[in-house]
């Protein structure tokens, strides 16, 4: 279940590769109207995976065309198939999207912002960086990539931010020192980070060790950014004889809802915790891909966010769903 969703049709106006593995799509609403949205927002997209419709979320990239939405998709070999489905699109195709929404809050009263992006996590950061710059708020962007050739939108960001853009290419031996970066920030600074799970976990540890207020670290993740490879696994339902197979290209949430075990959900990005269900037993290992639970809660393995998290082996859960008596 999603709240206040409005779906509409767009036409894929143009497609271009911004890096060898990142493809940009400009989507023009057939209604002629782009819904207003805040910096850091994302849209839901209905995409075909192996011939079946599925939903994926993509962050909106900073856009100078008020008549289109601009998104970018990394072709991920270990994804659940959404990136492959998007890359199969051609200009002129029709695609259904839901209205923009955001779980990232930008506090315009703060005068110092530190932005951090890892890989494709740069997409929502582009809009936040531009919005802060337009309001004359002090902003520095740290952008970590495997190589400079993988750095999407780096020319646009360099033109916008100049020497306030720092790129760290691992193949050049450059590494972002999160602890030193956070300790050097002014006392009122806010950090916004978007990237893979390992980066987010390292940032949370460094932020806490720097003695900074937890609420001043804002972050966003993406569901394919697990610690373990994305692979098929099994889910057993407590007090039933049901065992479900969760394919590589599907989420546990989709598998549960598809089998009639209804689980309420909202963000479907591992950020809100609405869909969390109880874990009864684990035969293998859970790959927690959410940013809702704390490190300790993830170690305890008592709950899981089925919208993004996965497992290796078998996990037994209790959704608290009970079929109505006839």
C-alpha atoms as a PDB file:
ATOM      1  CA  UNK A   1       0.000   0.000   0.000  1.00  0.00           C
ATOM      2  CA  UNK A   2       1.251   3.446  -0.909  1.00  0.00           C
ATOM      3  CA  UNK A   3      -0.134   6.702   0.394  1.00  0.00           C
ATOM      4  CA  UNK A   4      -1.343   9.594  -1.809  1.00  0.00           C
ATOM      5  CA  UNK A   5       0.032   8.112  -5.000  1.00  0.00           C
ATOM      6  CA  UNK A   6      -0.980   9.525  -8.346  1.00  0.00           C
ATOM      7  CA  UNK A   7       0.073   7.635 -11.447  1.00  0.00           C
ATOM      8  CA  UNK A   8       0.294   9.184 -14.891  1.00  0.00           C
ATOM      9  CA  UNK A   9       1.788   8.506 -18.302  1.00  0.00           C
ATOM     10  CA  UNK A  10       4.978   9.975 -19.705  1.00  0.00           C
ATOM     11  CA  UNK A  11       6.776   9.681 -23.015  1.00  0.00           C
ATOM     12  CA  UNK A  12      10.486   8.930 -23.048  1.00  0.00           C
ATOM     13  CA  UNK A  13      11.622  12.055 -24.854  1.00  0.00           C
ATOM     14  CA  UNK A  14      15.347  11.352 -24.982  1.00  0.00           C
ATOM     15  CA  UNK A  15      17.965   8.911 -23.786  1.00  0.00           C
ATOM     16  CA  UNK A  16      21.716   9.351 -23.471  1.00  0.00           C
ATOM     17  CA  UNK A  17      24.593   7.575 -21.783  1.00  0.00           C
ATOM     18  CA  UNK A  18      26.344   9.837 -19.287  1.00  0.00           C
ATOM     19  CA  UNK A  19      28.892   7.116 -18.426  1.00  0.00           C
ATOM     20  CA  UNK A  20      29.380   3.583 -19.792  1.00  0.00           C
ATOM     21  CA  UNK A  21      27.071   2.243 -17.053  1.00  0.00           C
ATOM     22  CA  UNK A  22      24.735   5.187 -16.334  1.00  0.00           C
ATOM     23  CA  UNK A  23      21.933   6.121 -18.734  1.00  0.00           C
ATOM     24  CA  UNK A  24      19.861   9.291 -18.525  1.00  0.00           C
ATOM     25  CA  UNK A  25      16.154   9.422 -19.382  1.00  0.00           C
ATOM     26  CA  UNK A  26      14.083  12.560 -19.918  1.00  0.00           C
ATOM     27  CA  UNK A  27      10.390  11.860 -19.394  1.00  0.00           C
ATOM     28  CA  UNK A  28       7.751  14.269 -20.665  1.00  0.00           C
ATOM     29  CA  UNK A  29       4.300  13.992 -19.000  1.00  0.00           C
ATOM     30  CA  UNK A  30       1.541  13.425 -21.520  1.00  0.00           C
ATOM     31  CA  UNK A  31      -0.617  15.756 -19.439  1.00  0.00           C
ATOM     32  CA  UNK A  32       1.817  18.578 -20.200  1.00  0.00           C
ATOM     33  CA  UNK A  33       2.334  19.220 -16.502  1.00  0.00           C
ATOM     34  CA  UNK A  34       5.314  18.374 -14.306  1.00  0.00           C
ATOM     35  CA  UNK A  35       4.235  18.117 -10.678  1.00  0.00           C
ATOM     36  CA  UNK A  36       6.220  20.391  -8.340  1.00  0.00           C
ATOM     37  CA  UNK A  37       8.787  18.588  -6.229  1.00  0.00           C
ATOM     38  CA  UNK A  38      11.448  19.366  -3.671  1.00  0.00           C
ATOM     39  CA  UNK A  39      15.189  18.837  -4.063  1.00  0.00           C
ATOM     40  CA  UNK A  40      16.156  15.210  -3.499  1.00  0.00           C
ATOM     41  CA  UNK A  41      12.803  13.781  -4.626  1.00  0.00           C
ATOM     42  CA  UNK A  42      12.261  10.522  -6.479  1.00  0.00           C
ATOM     43  CA  UNK A  43       9.531   9.069  -8.679  1.00  0.00           C
ATOM     44  CA  UNK A  44       8.104   5.577  -8.906  1.00  0.00           C
ATOM     45  CA  UNK A  45       8.345   3.967 -12.331  1.00  0.00           C
ATOM     46  CA  UNK A  46       6.451   0.980 -13.710  1.00  0.00           C
ATOM     47  CA  UNK A  47       8.968  -1.126 -15.616  1.00  0.00           C
ATOM     48  CA  UNK A  48       8.736  -4.513 -17.306  1.00  0.00           C
ATOM     49  CA  UNK A  49      10.987  -7.238 -15.889  1.00  0.00           C
ATOM     50  CA  UNK A  50      10.907 -10.499 -17.814  1.00  0.00           C
ATOM     51  CA  UNK A  51       7.599  -9.394 -19.293  1.00  0.00           C
ATOM     52  CA  UNK A  52       5.986  -8.677 -15.935  1.00  0.00           C
ATOM     53  CA  UNK A  53       5.236  -5.162 -14.584  1.00  0.00           C
ATOM     54  CA  UNK A  54       7.236  -4.119 -11.538  1.00  0.00           C
ATOM     55  CA  UNK A  55       7.777  -0.923  -9.633  1.00  0.00           C
ATOM     56  CA  UNK A  56      11.114   0.810  -9.130  1.00  0.00           C
ATOM     57  CA  UNK A  57      12.106   4.185  -7.673  1.00  0.00           C
ATOM     58  CA  UNK A  58      14.568   6.598  -9.278  1.00  0.00           C
ATOM     59  CA  UNK A  59      15.809   9.902  -7.947  1.00  0.00           C
ATOM     60  CA  UNK A  60      15.206  13.054  -9.945  1.00  0.00           C
ATOM     61  CA  UNK A  61      18.328  14.681 -11.344  1.00  0.00           C
ATOM     62  CA  UNK A  62      18.692  18.482 -11.382  1.00  0.00           C
ATOM     63  CA  UNK A  63      16.886  19.637 -14.504  1.00  0.00           C
ATOM     64  CA  UNK A  64      16.857  22.911 -16.442  1.00  0.00           C
ATOM     65  CA  UNK A  65      13.829  21.787 -18.478  1.00  0.00           C
ATOM     66  CA  UNK A  66      10.668  22.561 -16.512  1.00  0.00           C
ATOM     67  CA  UNK A  67       8.611  20.369 -18.862  1.00  0.00           C
ATOM     68  CA  UNK A  68      10.326  17.031 -18.161  1.00  0.00           C
ATOM     69  CA  UNK A  69      11.462  14.736 -15.388  1.00  0.00           C
ATOM     70  CA  UNK A  70      15.117  13.722 -15.554  1.00  0.00           C
ATOM     71  CA  UNK A  71      16.330  10.441 -14.072  1.00  0.00           C
ATOM     72  CA  UNK A  72      19.457   8.318 -14.445  1.00  0.00           C
ATOM     73  CA  UNK A  73      19.754   4.542 -14.107  1.00  0.00           C
ATOM     74  CA  UNK A  74      22.921   2.537 -13.494  1.00  0.00           C
ATOM     75  CA  UNK A  75      23.004  -0.812 -15.277  1.00  0.00           C
ATOM     76  CA  UNK A  76      23.612  -3.038 -12.261  1.00  0.00           C
ATOM     77  CA  UNK A  77      24.618  -6.658 -12.937  1.00  0.00           C
ATOM     78  CA  UNK A  78      23.421  -7.743  -9.465  1.00  0.00           C
ATOM     79  CA  UNK A  79      20.121  -5.832  -9.467  1.00  0.00           C
ATOM     80  CA  UNK A  80      16.615  -7.299  -9.395  1.00  0.00           C
ATOM     81  CA  UNK A  81      16.150  -6.516 -13.087  1.00  0.00           C
ATOM     82  CA  UNK A  82      14.849  -2.944 -12.904  1.00  0.00           C
ATOM     83  CA  UNK A  83      17.920  -1.380 -14.462  1.00  0.00           C
ATOM     84  CA  UNK A  84      17.871  -3.894 -17.304  1.00  0.00           C
ATOM     85  CA  UNK A  85      14.213  -3.134 -17.934  1.00  0.00           C
ATOM     86  CA  UNK A  86      14.897   0.590 -18.025  1.00  0.00           C
ATOM     87  CA  UNK A  87      17.871   0.177 -20.338  1.00  0.00           C
ATOM     88  CA  UNK A  88      15.630  -1.725 -22.759  1.00  0.00           C
ATOM     89  CA  UNK A  89      13.484   1.381 -23.236  1.00  0.00           C
ATOM     90  CA  UNK A  90      13.763   3.430 -26.406  1.00  0.00           C
ATOM     91  CA  UNK A  91      12.950   7.064 -27.135  1.00  0.00           C
ATOM     92  CA  UNK A  92       9.239   7.457 -27.823  1.00  0.00           C
ATOM     93  CA  UNK A  93       8.195   4.701 -25.436  1.00  0.00           C
ATOM     94  CA  UNK A  94       5.352   5.322 -22.994  1.00  0.00           C
ATOM     95  CA  UNK A  95       6.013   4.714 -19.316  1.00  0.00           C
ATOM     96  CA  UNK A  96       3.846   5.107 -16.235  1.00  0.00           C
ATOM     97  CA  UNK A  97       5.196   7.006 -13.224  1.00  0.00           C
ATOM     98  CA  UNK A  98       3.873   8.100  -9.848  1.00  0.00           C
ATOM     99  CA  UNK A  99       4.086  11.615  -8.493  1.00  0.00           C
ATOM    100  CA  UNK A 100       7.393  12.791  -6.972  1.00  0.00           C
ATOM    101  CA  UNK A 101       7.967  12.365  -3.252  1.00  0.00           C
ATOM    102  CA  UNK A 102      10.884  12.806  -0.870  1.00  0.00           C
ATOM    103  CA  UNK A 103      12.023  11.539   2.495  1.00  0.00           C
ATOM    104  CA  UNK A 104      15.013  13.881   2.535  1.00  0.00           C
ATOM    105  CA  UNK A 105      14.475  17.129   4.424  1.00  0.00           C
ATOM    106  CA  UNK A 106      16.574  20.178   3.584  1.00  0.00           C
ATOM    107  CA  UNK A 107      16.741  22.707   6.424  1.00  0.00           C
ATOM    108  CA  UNK A 108      17.084  26.026   4.648  1.00  0.00           C
ATOM    109  CA  UNK A 109      17.881  27.832   7.908  1.00  0.00           C
ATOM    110  CA  UNK A 110      21.280  26.101   8.136  1.00  0.00           C
ATOM    111  CA  UNK A 111      24.165  27.868   6.494  1.00  0.00           C
ATOM    112  CA  UNK A 112      26.558  24.920   6.004  1.00  0.00           C
ATOM    113  CA  UNK A 113      25.931  21.675   4.143  1.00  0.00           C
ATOM    114  CA  UNK A 114      28.205  18.728   3.446  1.00  0.00           C
ATOM    115  CA  UNK A 115      26.948  16.514   0.606  1.00  0.00           C
ATOM    116  CA  UNK A 116      28.353  13.027   0.050  1.00  0.00           C
ATOM    117  CA  UNK A 117      27.565  10.721  -2.864  1.00  0.00           C
ATOM    118  CA  UNK A 118      28.738   7.252  -3.768  1.00  0.00           C
ATOM    119  CA  UNK A 119      28.337   6.107  -7.365  1.00  0.00           C
ATOM    120  CA  UNK A 120      24.769   6.432  -8.657  1.00  0.00           C
ATOM    121  CA  UNK A 121      23.890   8.045  -5.308  1.00  0.00           C
ATOM    122  CA  UNK A 122      24.842  11.293  -7.010  1.00  0.00           C
ATOM    123  CA  UNK A 123      21.387  11.552  -8.629  1.00  0.00           C
ATOM    124  CA  UNK A 124      19.396  13.113  -5.735  1.00  0.00           C
ATOM    125  CA  UNK A 125      22.465  15.049  -4.614  1.00  0.00           C
ATOM    126  CA  UNK A 126      22.540  17.010  -7.888  1.00  0.00           C
ATOM    127  CA  UNK A 127      19.225  18.689  -7.122  1.00  0.00           C
ATOM    128  CA  UNK A 128      20.119  19.376  -3.494  1.00  0.00           C
ATOM    129  CA  UNK A 129      23.468  20.897  -4.473  1.00  0.00           C
ATOM    130  CA  UNK A 130      21.828  23.189  -7.028  1.00  0.00           C
ATOM    131  CA  UNK A 131      19.090  24.268  -4.602  1.00  0.00           C
ATOM    132  CA  UNK A 132      21.592  25.086  -1.867  1.00  0.00           C
ATOM    133  CA  UNK A 133      23.793  26.984  -4.316  1.00  0.00           C
ATOM    134  CA  UNK A 134      20.856  29.075  -5.530  1.00  0.00           C
ATOM    135  CA  UNK A 135      20.111  30.052  -1.915  1.00  0.00           C
ATOM    136  CA  UNK A 136      23.730  31.047  -1.302  1.00  0.00           C
ATOM    137  CA  UNK A 137      24.159  28.356   1.361  1.00  0.00           C
ATOM    138  CA  UNK A 138      27.708  27.123   1.874  1.00  0.00           C
ATOM    139  CA  UNK A 139      27.873  23.648   0.319  1.00  0.00           C
ATOM    140  CA  UNK A 140      30.684  21.189  -0.352  1.00  0.00           C
ATOM    141  CA  UNK A 141      30.179  17.956  -2.292  1.00  0.00           C
ATOM    142  CA  UNK A 142      32.306  14.827  -1.836  1.00  0.00           C
ATOM    143  CA  UNK A 143      31.783  12.341  -4.672  1.00  0.00           C
ATOM    144  CA  UNK A 144      33.272   8.827  -4.430  1.00  0.00           C
ATOM    145  CA  UNK A 145      33.483   6.669  -7.576  1.00  0.00           C
ATOM    146  CA  UNK A 146      35.434   3.696  -8.863  1.00  0.00           C
ATOM    147  CA  UNK A 147      36.996   5.785 -11.624  1.00  0.00           C
ATOM    148  CA  UNK A 148      36.526   9.275 -13.059  1.00  0.00           C
ATOM    149  CA  UNK A 149      34.916   7.676 -16.070  1.00  0.00           C
ATOM    150  CA  UNK A 150      32.175   6.455 -13.730  1.00  0.00           C
ATOM    151  CA  UNK A 151      31.467   9.933 -12.338  1.00  0.00           C
ATOM    152  CA  UNK A 152      28.046  10.863 -13.735  1.00  0.00           C
ATOM    153  CA  UNK A 153      27.202  14.556 -14.124  1.00  0.00           C
ATOM    154  CA  UNK A 154      30.660  15.574 -12.934  1.00  0.00           C
ATOM    155  CA  UNK A 155      30.995  18.315 -15.583  1.00  0.00           C
ATOM    156  CA  UNK A 156      27.686  19.908 -14.561  1.00  0.00           C
ATOM    157  CA  UNK A 157      28.587  19.741 -10.899  1.00  0.00           C
ATOM    158  CA  UNK A 158      32.043  21.152 -11.514  1.00  0.00           C
ATOM    159  CA  UNK A 159      30.546  24.098 -13.404  1.00  0.00           C
ATOM    160  CA  UNK A 160      28.144  24.696 -10.526  1.00  0.00           C
ATOM    161  CA  UNK A 161      30.400  24.181  -7.517  1.00  0.00           C
ATOM    162  CA  UNK A 162      33.938  24.719  -8.769  1.00  0.00           C
ATOM    163  CA  UNK A 163      36.518  23.785  -6.140  1.00  0.00           C
ATOM    164  CA  UNK A 164      33.736  22.860  -3.708  1.00  0.00           C
ATOM    165  CA  UNK A 165      33.387  19.607  -5.636  1.00  0.00           C
ATOM    166  CA  UNK A 166      35.798  16.877  -4.518  1.00  0.00           C
ATOM    167  CA  UNK A 167      35.966  13.667  -6.573  1.00  0.00           C
ATOM    168  CA  UNK A 168      37.561  10.537  -5.099  1.00  0.00           C
ATOM    169  CA  UNK A 169      38.383   7.864  -7.697  1.00  0.00           C
ATOM    170  CA  UNK A 170      39.407   4.603  -6.071  1.00  0.00           C
ATOM    171  CA  UNK A 171      41.469   3.499  -9.085  1.00  0.00           C
ATOM    172  CA  UNK A 172      43.629   6.578  -8.485  1.00  0.00           C
ATOM    173  CA  UNK A 173      44.117   5.647  -4.848  1.00  0.00           C
ATOM    174  CA  UNK A 174      41.912   8.514  -3.646  1.00  0.00           C
ATOM    175  CA  UNK A 175      39.770   7.794  -0.603  1.00  0.00           C
ATOM    176  CA  UNK A 176      37.213   9.910   1.224  1.00  0.00           C
ATOM    177  CA  UNK A 177      38.147  10.205   4.896  1.00  0.00           C
ATOM    178  CA  UNK A 178      34.706  10.484   6.463  1.00  0.00           C
ATOM    179  CA  UNK A 179      35.933  10.964  10.024  1.00  0.00           C
ATOM    180  CA  UNK A 180      38.278  13.849   9.109  1.00  0.00           C
ATOM    181  CA  UNK A 181      35.611  15.401   6.876  1.00  0.00           C
ATOM    182  CA  UNK A 182      32.999  15.383   9.622  1.00  0.00           C
ATOM    183  CA  UNK A 183      35.346  16.667  12.320  1.00  0.00           C
ATOM    184  CA  UNK A 184      36.275  19.637  10.125  1.00  0.00           C
ATOM    185  CA  UNK A 185      32.665  20.771   9.641  1.00  0.00           C
ATOM    186  CA  UNK A 186      31.273  23.850  11.394  1.00  0.00           C
ATOM    187  CA  UNK A 187      29.165  23.058  14.444  1.00  0.00           C
ATOM    188  CA  UNK A 188      25.845  23.824  12.739  1.00  0.00           C
ATOM    189  CA  UNK A 189      26.559  21.820   9.564  1.00  0.00           C
ATOM    190  CA  UNK A 190      24.227  19.185   8.158  1.00  0.00           C
ATOM    191  CA  UNK A 191      25.476  16.240   6.106  1.00  0.00           C
ATOM    192  CA  UNK A 192      23.373  14.580   3.414  1.00  0.00           C
ATOM    193  CA  UNK A 193      24.585  11.288   2.006  1.00  0.00           C
ATOM    194  CA  UNK A 194      23.352   8.930  -0.680  1.00  0.00           C
ATOM    195  CA  UNK A 195      25.215   5.814  -1.671  1.00  0.00           C
ATOM    196  CA  UNK A 196      25.653   2.085  -1.143  1.00  0.00           C
ATOM    197  CA  UNK A 197      24.997   0.461   2.207  1.00  0.00           C
ATOM    198  CA  UNK A 198      28.662   0.125   3.187  1.00  0.00           C
ATOM    199  CA  UNK A 199      29.159   3.865   2.719  1.00  0.00           C
ATOM    200  CA  UNK A 200      26.076   4.741   4.752  1.00  0.00           C
ATOM    201  CA  UNK A 201      27.084   2.486   7.622  1.00  0.00           C
ATOM    202  CA  UNK A 202      30.615   3.929   7.630  1.00  0.00           C
ATOM    203  CA  UNK A 203      29.200   7.457   7.575  1.00  0.00           C
ATOM    204  CA  UNK A 204      26.886   6.811  10.514  1.00  0.00           C
ATOM    205  CA  UNK A 205      29.775   5.417  12.571  1.00  0.00           C
ATOM    206  CA  UNK A 206      32.077   8.320  11.677  1.00  0.00           C
ATOM    207  CA  UNK A 207      29.343  10.876  12.382  1.00  0.00           C
ATOM    208  CA  UNK A 208      28.686   9.443  15.834  1.00  0.00           C
ATOM    209  CA  UNK A 209      32.396   9.167  16.613  1.00  0.00           C
ATOM    210  CA  UNK A 210      32.806  12.823  15.682  1.00  0.00           C
ATOM    211  CA  UNK A 211      30.286  13.644  18.413  1.00  0.00           C
ATOM    212  CA  UNK A 212      27.807  15.258  16.062  1.00  0.00           C
ATOM    213  CA  UNK A 213      24.032  15.343  16.531  1.00  0.00           C
ATOM    214  CA  UNK A 214      22.487  12.210  14.945  1.00  0.00           C
ATOM    215  CA  UNK A 215      19.594  14.251  13.510  1.00  0.00           C
ATOM    216  CA  UNK A 216      22.060  16.344  11.487  1.00  0.00           C
ATOM    217  CA  UNK A 217      23.029  13.355   9.324  1.00  0.00           C
ATOM    218  CA  UNK A 218      20.448  12.796   6.582  1.00  0.00           C
ATOM    219  CA  UNK A 219      20.712   9.889   4.153  1.00  0.00           C
ATOM    220  CA  UNK A 220      19.086   7.940   1.375  1.00  0.00           C
ATOM    221  CA  UNK A 221      19.870   4.497   0.002  1.00  0.00           C
ATOM    222  CA  UNK A 222      18.840   2.261  -2.862  1.00  0.00           C
ATOM    223  CA  UNK A 223      17.442  -1.236  -2.533  1.00  0.00           C
ATOM    224  CA  UNK A 224      20.105  -3.020  -4.584  1.00  0.00           C
ATOM    225  CA  UNK A 225      22.918  -1.865  -2.299  1.00  0.00           C
ATOM    226  CA  UNK A 226      23.253  -4.922  -0.140  1.00  0.00           C
ATOM    227  CA  UNK A 227      26.341  -6.421   1.420  1.00  0.00           C
ATOM    228  CA  UNK A 228      25.570  -9.836  -0.092  1.00  0.00           C
ATOM    229  CA  UNK A 229      24.915 -10.670  -3.770  1.00  0.00           C
ATOM    230  CA  UNK A 230      21.290 -10.458  -4.904  1.00  0.00           C
ATOM    231  CA  UNK A 231      20.154 -14.062  -5.229  1.00  0.00           C
ATOM    232  CA  UNK A 232      17.068 -16.246  -4.882  1.00  0.00           C
ATOM    233  CA  UNK A 233      16.080 -17.179  -1.319  1.00  0.00           C
ATOM    234  CA  UNK A 234      13.149 -18.723   0.559  1.00  0.00           C
ATOM    235  CA  UNK A 235      10.655 -17.333   3.069  1.00  0.00           C
ATOM    236  CA  UNK A 236       8.578 -19.444   5.427  1.00  0.00           C
ATOM    237  CA  UNK A 237       5.412 -18.109   7.069  1.00  0.00           C
ATOM    238  CA  UNK A 238       4.947 -18.855  10.760  1.00  0.00           C
ATOM    239  CA  UNK A 239       2.070 -21.178  11.666  1.00  0.00           C
ATOM    240  CA  UNK A 240       1.401 -22.057   8.039  1.00  0.00           C
ATOM    241  CA  UNK A 241       2.673 -24.670   5.636  1.00  0.00           C
ATOM    242  CA  UNK A 242       3.653 -21.949   3.217  1.00  0.00           C
ATOM    243  CA  UNK A 243       7.161 -21.497   1.857  1.00  0.00           C
ATOM    244  CA  UNK A 244       7.734 -18.842  -0.809  1.00  0.00           C
ATOM    245  CA  UNK A 245      10.607 -18.495  -3.227  1.00  0.00           C
ATOM    246  CA  UNK A 246      11.815 -14.915  -3.666  1.00  0.00           C
ATOM    247  CA  UNK A 247      13.455 -14.699  -7.115  1.00  0.00           C
ATOM    248  CA  UNK A 248      16.479 -12.537  -7.793  1.00  0.00           C
ATOM    249  CA  UNK A 249      14.340 -10.048  -9.715  1.00  0.00           C
ATOM    250  CA  UNK A 250      11.652  -9.676  -7.036  1.00  0.00           C
ATOM    251  CA  UNK A 251      11.477  -8.324  -3.495  1.00  0.00           C
ATOM    252  CA  UNK A 252      10.254 -10.233  -0.469  1.00  0.00           C
ATOM    253  CA  UNK A 253       7.456  -7.667  -0.213  1.00  0.00           C
ATOM    254  CA  UNK A 254       6.291  -8.447  -3.759  1.00  0.00           C
ATOM    255  CA  UNK A 255       6.449 -12.180  -3.076  1.00  0.00           C
ATOM    256  CA  UNK A 256       4.405 -11.873   0.121  1.00  0.00           C
ATOM    257  CA  UNK A 257       1.738  -9.642  -1.373  1.00  0.00           C
ATOM    258  CA  UNK A 258       1.577 -11.764  -4.514  1.00  0.00           C
ATOM    259  CA  UNK A 259       0.879 -14.855  -2.397  1.00  0.00           C
ATOM    260  CA  UNK A 260      -1.905 -13.115  -0.493  1.00  0.00           C
ATOM    261  CA  UNK A 261       0.019 -12.326   2.715  1.00  0.00           C
ATOM    262  CA  UNK A 262      -0.697  -8.618   2.649  1.00  0.00           C
ATOM    263  CA  UNK A 263       2.027  -6.368   4.065  1.00  0.00           C
ATOM    264  CA  UNK A 264       1.418  -2.646   4.358  1.00  0.00           C
ATOM    265  CA  UNK A 265       4.210  -0.499   2.912  1.00  0.00           C
ATOM    266  CA  UNK A 266       5.031   3.067   2.056  1.00  0.00           C
ATOM    267  CA  UNK A 267       8.434   4.175   0.745  1.00  0.00           C
ATOM    268  CA  UNK A 268       9.566   0.784  -0.612  1.00  0.00           C
ATOM    269  CA  UNK A 269      13.128   2.060  -0.280  1.00  0.00           C
ATOM    270  CA  UNK A 270      14.048   0.763   3.164  1.00  0.00           C
ATOM    271  CA  UNK A 271      13.740   4.165   4.803  1.00  0.00           C
ATOM    272  CA  UNK A 272      10.389   4.362   6.603  1.00  0.00           C
ATOM    273  CA  UNK A 273      10.063   0.958   8.312  1.00  0.00           C
ATOM    274  CA  UNK A 274       6.327   0.709   7.612  1.00  0.00           C
ATOM    275  CA  UNK A 275       6.644  -2.733   6.007  1.00  0.00           C
ATOM    276  CA  UNK A 276       8.821  -4.292   8.755  1.00  0.00           C
ATOM    277  CA  UNK A 277       7.824  -7.833   9.751  1.00  0.00           C
ATOM    278  CA  UNK A 278       8.930 -10.091  12.593  1.00  0.00           C
ATOM    279  CA  UNK A 279      11.739 -12.585  12.061  1.00  0.00           C
ATOM    280  CA  UNK A 280      11.143 -15.940  13.757  1.00  0.00           C
ATOM    281  CA  UNK A 281      14.172 -17.910  12.577  1.00  0.00           C
ATOM    282  CA  UNK A 282      17.059 -17.672  10.119  1.00  0.00           C
ATOM    283  CA  UNK A 283      18.721 -20.609   8.379  1.00  0.00           C
ATOM    284  CA  UNK A 284      21.474 -18.720   6.655  1.00  0.00           C
ATOM    285  CA  UNK A 285      22.006 -14.968   6.801  1.00  0.00           C
ATOM    286  CA  UNK A 286      19.878 -11.839   6.462  1.00  0.00           C
ATOM    287  CA  UNK A 287      21.188  -9.016   4.282  1.00  0.00           C
ATOM    288  CA  UNK A 288      19.637  -5.921   5.864  1.00  0.00           C
ATOM    289  CA  UNK A 289      19.488  -3.271   3.143  1.00  0.00           C
ATOM    290  CA  UNK A 290      17.377  -0.723   4.982  1.00  0.00           C
ATOM    291  CA  UNK A 291      18.461   2.449   6.743  1.00  0.00           C
ATOM    292  CA  UNK A 292      15.569   2.340   9.192  1.00  0.00           C
ATOM    293  CA  UNK A 293      16.950  -0.081  11.772  1.00  0.00           C
ATOM    294  CA  UNK A 294      20.028   0.597  13.890  1.00  0.00           C
ATOM    295  CA  UNK A 295      23.174  -1.536  13.673  1.00  0.00           C
ATOM    296  CA  UNK A 296      22.178  -3.282  16.904  1.00  0.00           C
ATOM    297  CA  UNK A 297      18.680  -4.036  15.630  1.00  0.00           C
ATOM    298  CA  UNK A 298      20.140  -5.529  12.473  1.00  0.00           C
ATOM    299  CA  UNK A 299      22.446  -7.724  14.534  1.00  0.00           C
ATOM    300  CA  UNK A 300      19.489  -8.866  16.635  1.00  0.00           C
ATOM    301  CA  UNK A 301      17.657 -10.018  13.466  1.00  0.00           C
ATOM    302  CA  UNK A 302      14.243  -9.647  15.079  1.00  0.00           C
ATOM    303  CA  UNK A 303      12.704  -7.676  12.224  1.00  0.00           C
ATOM    304  CA  UNK A 304      13.270  -7.221   8.509  1.00  0.00           C
ATOM    305  CA  UNK A 305      12.134  -4.666   5.934  1.00  0.00           C
ATOM    306  CA  UNK A 306      10.913  -6.901   3.079  1.00  0.00           C
ATOM    307  CA  UNK A 307      10.785  -4.064   0.556  1.00  0.00           C
ATOM    308  CA  UNK A 308      14.591  -4.076   0.155  1.00  0.00           C
ATOM    309  CA  UNK A 309      16.241  -6.565   2.523  1.00  0.00           C
ATOM    310  CA  UNK A 310      17.047 -10.088   1.413  1.00  0.00           C
ATOM    311  CA  UNK A 311      18.572 -13.295   2.734  1.00  0.00           C
ATOM    312  CA  UNK A 312      20.837 -16.155   1.885  1.00  0.00           C
ATOM    313  CA  UNK A 313      19.121 -19.445   2.687  1.00  0.00           C
ATOM    314  CA  UNK A 314      15.761 -19.474   4.476  1.00  0.00           C
ATOM    315  CA  UNK A 315      14.126 -16.900   6.750  1.00  0.00           C
ATOM    316  CA  UNK A 316      10.965 -17.623   8.746  1.00  0.00           C
ATOM    317  CA  UNK A 317       8.791 -14.608   9.418  1.00  0.00           C
ATOM    318  CA  UNK A 318       5.502 -13.598  10.992  1.00  0.00           C
ATOM    319  CA  UNK A 319       3.705 -10.872   9.080  1.00  0.00           C
ATOM    320  CA  UNK A 320       0.870 -10.875  11.655  1.00  0.00           C
ATOM    321  CA  UNK A 321      -1.476 -11.341   8.710  1.00  0.00           C
ATOM    322  CA  UNK A 322      -4.343 -13.659   9.468  1.00  0.00           C
ATOM    323  CA  UNK A 323      -6.934 -14.651   6.928  1.00  0.00           C
ATOM    324  CA  UNK A 324     -10.461 -13.712   7.909  1.00  0.00           C
ATOM    325  CA  UNK A 325     -12.620 -16.579   9.070  1.00  0.00           C
ATOM    326  CA  UNK A 326     -15.308 -17.516   6.539  1.00  0.00           C
END
